[in-house]
Protein backbone atom coordinates (compact mmCIF):
# COMPACT_ATOMS: atom_id res chain seq x y z
CA UNK A 1 41.52 51.13 56.62
CA UNK A 2 39.17 50.51 59.47
CA UNK A 3 39.53 50.48 63.15
CA UNK A 4 37.39 50.81 66.45
CA UNK A 5 39.46 49.63 70.06
CA UNK A 6 42.45 50.69 68.40
CA UNK A 7 38.32 50.92 67.82
CA UNK A 8 38.65 54.69 67.72
CA UNK A 9 41.65 54.53 64.93
CA UNK A 10 38.74 52.39 62.89
CA UNK A 11 36.63 55.48 62.59
CA UNK A 12 39.29 57.63 61.81
CA UNK A 13 40.67 55.61 59.14
CA UNK A 14 37.33 54.49 57.38
CA UNK A 15 35.88 58.07 57.42
CA UNK A 16 39.09 59.33 55.43
CA UNK A 17 38.31 56.18 53.09
CA UNK A 18 34.69 57.12 53.04
CA UNK A 19 34.95 60.50 52.55
CA UNK A 20 38.32 61.93 50.51
CA UNK A 21 36.33 58.75 49.55
CA UNK A 22 38.37 39.31 59.56
CA UNK A 23 44.95 31.35 65.65
CA UNK A 24 42.68 28.68 65.72
CA UNK A 25 41.16 25.86 63.89
CA UNK A 26 38.18 28.22 63.30
CA UNK A 27 36.19 31.14 64.25
CA UNK A 28 37.65 31.77 67.67
CA UNK A 29 34.50 29.63 68.36
CA UNK A 30 33.97 26.22 69.57
CA UNK A 31 32.65 24.66 66.37
CA UNK A 32 36.02 23.66 64.88
CA UNK A 33 34.68 24.56 61.66
CA UNK A 34 37.39 25.05 58.92
CA UNK A 35 37.89 25.69 55.44
CA UNK A 36 38.61 22.75 53.28
CA UNK A 37 40.04 21.96 49.48
CA UNK A 38 41.67 25.35 49.35
CA UNK A 39 43.57 25.91 46.25
CA UNK A 40 45.59 28.95 45.47
CA UNK A 41 44.96 30.26 41.72
CA UNK A 42 47.71 32.89 41.91
CA UNK A 43 48.94 35.71 44.55
CA UNK A 44 45.70 37.13 44.46
CA UNK A 45 43.02 34.56 44.09
CA UNK A 46 41.91 31.72 45.93
CA UNK A 47 39.10 29.01 46.18
CA UNK A 48 38.01 26.91 49.14
CA UNK A 49 35.03 24.95 50.50
CA UNK A 50 33.20 24.99 53.52
CA UNK A 51 30.14 22.66 54.65
CA UNK A 52 30.61 21.41 50.99
CA UNK A 53 30.14 24.74 49.42
CA UNK A 54 32.49 26.20 47.21
CA UNK A 55 33.55 29.96 47.66
CA UNK A 56 36.12 32.51 45.73
CA UNK A 57 37.98 35.08 47.48
CA UNK A 58 40.10 37.89 46.12
CA UNK A 59 43.24 38.91 48.24
CA UNK A 60 44.87 42.61 48.12
CA UNK A 61 47.61 42.17 50.58
CA UNK A 62 50.37 44.88 51.85
CA UNK A 63 53.79 43.67 51.37
CA UNK A 64 54.05 43.02 55.14
CA UNK A 65 50.91 40.98 56.30
CA UNK A 66 52.32 40.03 60.05
CA UNK A 67 50.14 42.07 62.53
CA UNK A 68 48.22 44.01 60.10
CA UNK A 69 44.55 44.67 60.01
CA UNK A 70 42.10 42.63 58.13
CA UNK A 71 38.98 43.86 56.21
CA UNK A 72 36.35 41.13 54.87
CA UNK A 73 34.45 42.72 51.87
CA UNK A 74 30.72 41.03 51.61
CA UNK A 75 28.94 41.51 48.14
CA UNK A 76 25.36 42.40 47.69
CA UNK A 77 22.78 39.64 46.17
CA UNK A 78 23.49 38.39 42.74
CA UNK A 79 26.73 39.55 42.77
CA UNK A 80 30.46 38.18 43.69
CA UNK A 81 33.87 39.20 44.95
CA UNK A 82 35.16 40.32 41.64
CA UNK A 83 32.19 42.54 40.74
CA UNK A 84 32.17 43.88 44.26
CA UNK A 85 35.87 44.70 44.09
CA UNK A 86 35.20 46.55 40.52
CA UNK A 87 32.60 48.47 41.86
CA UNK A 88 34.25 49.74 44.96
CA UNK A 89 37.76 49.30 44.88
CA UNK A 90 38.36 49.96 48.82
CA UNK A 91 41.72 48.20 48.53
CA UNK A 92 43.18 51.15 46.69
CA UNK A 93 42.90 53.32 49.85
CA UNK A 94 43.15 50.32 52.35
CA UNK A 95 46.67 49.22 51.45
CA UNK A 96 47.83 52.58 51.65
CA UNK A 97 46.95 52.52 55.32
CA UNK A 98 48.36 49.13 56.05
CA UNK A 99 45.44 47.04 55.91
CA UNK A 100 44.60 43.76 54.06
CA UNK A 101 41.55 43.20 52.17
CA UNK A 102 39.62 40.00 50.99
CA UNK A 103 36.64 40.09 48.95
CA UNK A 104 34.59 37.00 49.77
CA UNK A 105 31.94 35.38 47.10
CA UNK A 106 28.76 33.98 48.90
CA UNK A 107 26.99 31.13 47.97
CA UNK A 108 23.48 30.19 46.26
CA UNK A 109 20.70 28.74 48.86
CA UNK A 110 19.20 25.39 47.85
CA UNK A 111 15.66 26.71 48.53
CA UNK A 112 16.41 30.18 46.40
CA UNK A 113 14.85 29.54 43.04
CA UNK A 114 17.16 32.52 41.60
CA UNK A 115 20.08 30.41 42.34
CA UNK A 116 21.92 33.85 43.06
CA UNK A 117 24.66 34.37 45.31
CA UNK A 118 24.31 35.79 48.30
CA UNK A 119 24.73 35.78 52.28
CA UNK A 120 22.47 33.90 54.62
CA UNK A 121 21.73 37.34 56.64
CA UNK A 122 18.33 35.94 58.34
CA UNK A 123 16.19 36.89 55.73
CA UNK A 124 13.90 33.82 54.77
CA UNK A 125 14.80 30.24 55.50
CA UNK A 126 18.31 30.16 54.30
CA UNK A 127 20.36 27.15 55.34
CA UNK A 128 23.96 28.07 54.70
CA UNK A 129 26.34 28.48 57.58
CA UNK A 130 27.27 31.73 56.48
CA UNK A 131 28.66 33.33 59.98
CA UNK A 132 30.73 29.93 60.85
CA UNK A 133 32.03 30.17 57.33
CA UNK A 134 33.32 33.76 57.48
CA UNK A 135 34.71 33.34 60.82
CA UNK A 136 36.69 30.27 59.43
CA UNK A 137 37.88 32.50 56.52
CA UNK A 138 39.29 34.85 59.12
CA UNK A 139 40.94 31.96 60.96
CA UNK A 140 42.79 30.72 57.99
CA UNK A 141 43.92 34.12 56.99
CA UNK A 142 45.11 34.86 60.62
CA UNK A 143 47.09 31.33 60.42
CA UNK A 144 48.43 31.53 57.12
CA UNK A 145 49.42 35.77 56.78
CA UNK A 146 49.43 36.62 60.78
CA UNK A 147 47.13 39.33 60.67
CA UNK A 148 46.22 40.97 63.87
CA UNK A 149 43.29 38.93 65.53
CA UNK A 150 41.99 41.91 67.37
CA UNK A 151 41.62 44.26 64.34
CA UNK A 152 39.34 42.26 61.94
CA UNK A 153 36.48 44.05 60.34
CA UNK A 154 33.59 43.46 58.15
CA UNK A 155 32.18 45.52 55.47
CA UNK A 156 29.06 44.89 53.38
CA UNK A 157 26.84 46.41 50.94
CA UNK A 158 23.17 45.35 50.70
CA UNK A 159 22.65 41.76 51.60
CA UNK A 160 26.33 42.07 52.24
CA UNK A 161 25.39 44.65 54.47
CA UNK A 162 22.46 42.77 55.97
CA UNK A 163 24.90 40.13 56.84
CA UNK A 164 27.22 42.42 59.01
CA UNK A 165 24.14 42.96 61.34
CA UNK A 166 23.92 39.17 61.81
CA UNK A 167 27.78 38.94 62.10
CA UNK A 168 27.71 41.75 64.83
CA UNK A 169 25.38 39.81 66.75
CA UNK A 170 26.93 36.41 66.48
CA UNK A 171 30.41 36.63 65.45
CA UNK A 172 31.72 39.14 67.79
CA UNK A 173 34.40 37.03 69.10
CA UNK A 174 35.96 36.91 65.67
CA UNK A 175 35.08 40.78 64.54
CA UNK A 176 36.18 43.77 66.01
CA UNK A 177 33.60 46.09 63.82
CA UNK A 178 31.56 46.17 61.10
CA UNK A 179 30.48 48.63 58.18
CA UNK A 180 27.01 48.27 56.54
CA UNK A 181 26.20 50.14 53.58
CA UNK A 182 22.80 50.22 52.62
CA UNK A 183 21.91 47.62 55.05
CA UNK A 184 19.27 46.51 57.56
CA UNK A 185 18.63 44.20 60.47
CA UNK A 186 16.62 41.09 59.41
CA UNK A 187 13.62 40.67 61.73
CA UNK A 188 15.10 36.95 62.69
CA UNK A 189 18.30 38.46 63.86
CA UNK A 190 16.29 41.57 65.57
CA UNK A 191 14.03 39.13 67.58
CA UNK A 192 17.08 37.35 68.92
CA UNK A 193 19.15 40.32 69.64
CA UNK A 194 21.80 40.45 72.32
CA UNK A 195 21.00 42.20 75.43
CA UNK A 196 24.68 43.66 75.76
CA UNK A 197 27.26 43.96 72.83
CA UNK A 198 30.99 45.08 72.78
CA UNK A 199 31.58 45.91 69.20
CA UNK A 200 31.28 49.14 67.12
CA UNK A 201 29.17 49.46 64.13
CA UNK A 202 29.28 52.16 61.32
CA UNK A 203 25.86 52.27 59.16
CA UNK A 204 25.52 54.27 56.26
CA UNK A 205 22.09 55.03 55.26
CA UNK A 206 20.18 56.75 52.09
CA UNK A 207 17.27 58.80 52.81
CA UNK A 208 15.57 57.71 49.91
CA UNK A 209 16.75 53.96 50.03
CA UNK A 210 13.39 51.89 49.43
CA UNK A 211 14.75 48.78 50.90
CA UNK A 212 15.52 49.99 54.24
CA UNK A 213 12.71 50.60 56.82
CA UNK A 214 13.06 54.05 58.06
CA UNK A 215 11.19 55.93 60.67
CA UNK A 216 12.06 59.17 58.79
CA UNK A 217 9.71 58.10 55.61
CA UNK A 218 7.33 56.03 57.64
CA UNK A 219 8.38 53.15 55.49
CA UNK A 220 8.84 51.08 58.76
CA UNK A 221 5.25 51.02 59.41
CA UNK A 222 4.78 48.64 56.64
CA UNK A 223 8.01 46.71 57.04
CA UNK A 224 8.82 43.41 59.17
CA UNK A 225 12.14 44.40 59.87
CA UNK A 226 12.82 47.04 62.24
CA UNK A 227 13.70 50.77 61.55
CA UNK A 228 17.19 51.44 60.97
CA UNK A 229 16.92 54.53 63.32
CA UNK A 230 15.49 51.96 66.16
CA UNK A 231 18.56 49.31 65.12
CA UNK A 232 21.40 52.18 65.62
CA UNK A 233 19.72 53.16 68.65
CA UNK A 234 19.91 49.52 69.78
CA UNK A 235 23.60 49.25 68.83
CA UNK A 236 24.61 52.16 70.74
CA UNK A 237 22.52 51.68 73.90
CA UNK A 238 23.38 47.75 74.13
CA UNK A 239 27.21 48.70 73.88
CA UNK A 240 26.67 51.12 76.95
CA UNK A 241 27.02 54.29 74.35
CA UNK A 242 24.82 57.13 75.56
CA UNK A 243 26.69 60.13 74.53
CA UNK A 244 25.93 61.63 70.95
CA UNK A 245 27.42 63.95 68.75
CA UNK A 246 25.98 65.20 65.12
CA UNK A 247 28.43 66.60 62.62
CA UNK A 248 27.87 67.50 58.83
CA UNK A 249 29.76 65.64 56.13
CA UNK A 250 29.92 67.33 52.78
CA UNK A 251 26.75 68.90 51.35
CA UNK A 252 24.50 66.13 51.84
CA UNK A 253 25.34 63.86 54.54
CA UNK A 254 25.44 64.09 58.44
CA UNK A 255 26.79 61.75 60.97
CA UNK A 256 25.60 60.98 64.22
CA UNK A 257 28.09 59.34 66.49
CA UNK A 258 27.35 57.41 69.82
CA UNK A 259 30.02 56.98 72.15
CA UNK A 260 31.05 57.06 75.84
CA UNK A 261 33.87 58.83 77.41
CA UNK A 262 35.18 55.49 79.17
CA UNK A 263 34.79 53.28 76.34
CA UNK A 264 36.96 52.86 72.94
CA UNK A 265 34.05 51.57 70.85
CA UNK A 266 31.78 53.69 68.92
CA UNK A 267 28.52 53.45 66.92
CA UNK A 268 28.16 55.76 63.67
CA UNK A 269 25.17 56.38 61.64
CA UNK A 270 25.77 58.28 58.54
CA UNK A 271 22.57 59.60 56.97
CA UNK A 272 23.03 60.68 53.27
CA UNK A 273 20.26 63.07 52.16
CA UNK A 274 18.68 61.68 48.72
CA UNK A 275 20.85 58.68 49.03
CA UNK A 276 19.22 55.56 47.59
CA UNK A 277 20.17 51.75 47.70
CA UNK A 278 23.49 52.08 46.22
CA UNK A 279 27.06 52.56 47.31
CA UNK A 280 27.67 56.39 47.88
CA UNK A 281 29.03 58.11 44.79
CA UNK A 282 30.85 61.63 44.80
CA UNK A 283 28.87 63.02 41.67
CA UNK A 284 25.57 61.89 42.88
CA UNK A 285 25.91 61.96 46.81
CA UNK A 286 28.46 64.61 47.22
CA UNK A 287 30.46 61.83 49.33
CA UNK A 288 32.39 59.12 48.14
CA UNK A 289 33.56 55.46 50.05
CA UNK A 290 36.39 55.43 48.10
CA UNK A 291 38.10 58.90 48.24
CA UNK A 292 39.57 61.19 51.11
């Protein structure tokens, strides 16, 4: 499915999915964090623990896994791996393109009165170490299945998409590229942003998404989190991408591509006219994130 250094291939592949429509002990970091209490339920389902927190994973794997790219799928707040898979079914197209897909269930925060599953994206005072956890998932998957360590991607929706912005800031040693569907960058992450990055990022935003702060509708004036337009300019400039190109995709979407002739990474921003806080649907939005 995705690419980006092979970075260019990421965009070619994901756009096809969207519009027709993650070895070491841990995390490629120095934390030494690893998964524990791993239980293989069957050839598709497994459970594991990290920091004493239980997580479920759903694996959709090609017949040959050695050297193939890996996509980590991050659900929205209150959902889980199973419900997210049922909602989007990215694996149907990704497997055809030779990608492995792993849907991951987040966890409840001890200080969240709703007890809903989600991700510590930087909003609120979350304590779960989800960046380290997701990096540990990648390390385990690479060790067991031999996935390409240079081709690991994170795709998220809503709260999962917020998490991709944090992962892009803090987990770039593990992840190559990121896709945020209806996502924003939390203020706490923005305030500690890196001056320089070397990642690729694809943002999909609905013009009527009332969760995402935007300059286009003045909603950013009343939000703590930065406007998504400002965030995308940041991702482009911090990656040294100063050339832009805009193309229309379908009848209701425009795609701005930030790039540099001497760099393989890119930043893309897809604007879905009349799109709301949802995974784009062909019947509603004129495009689909599952077909093409």
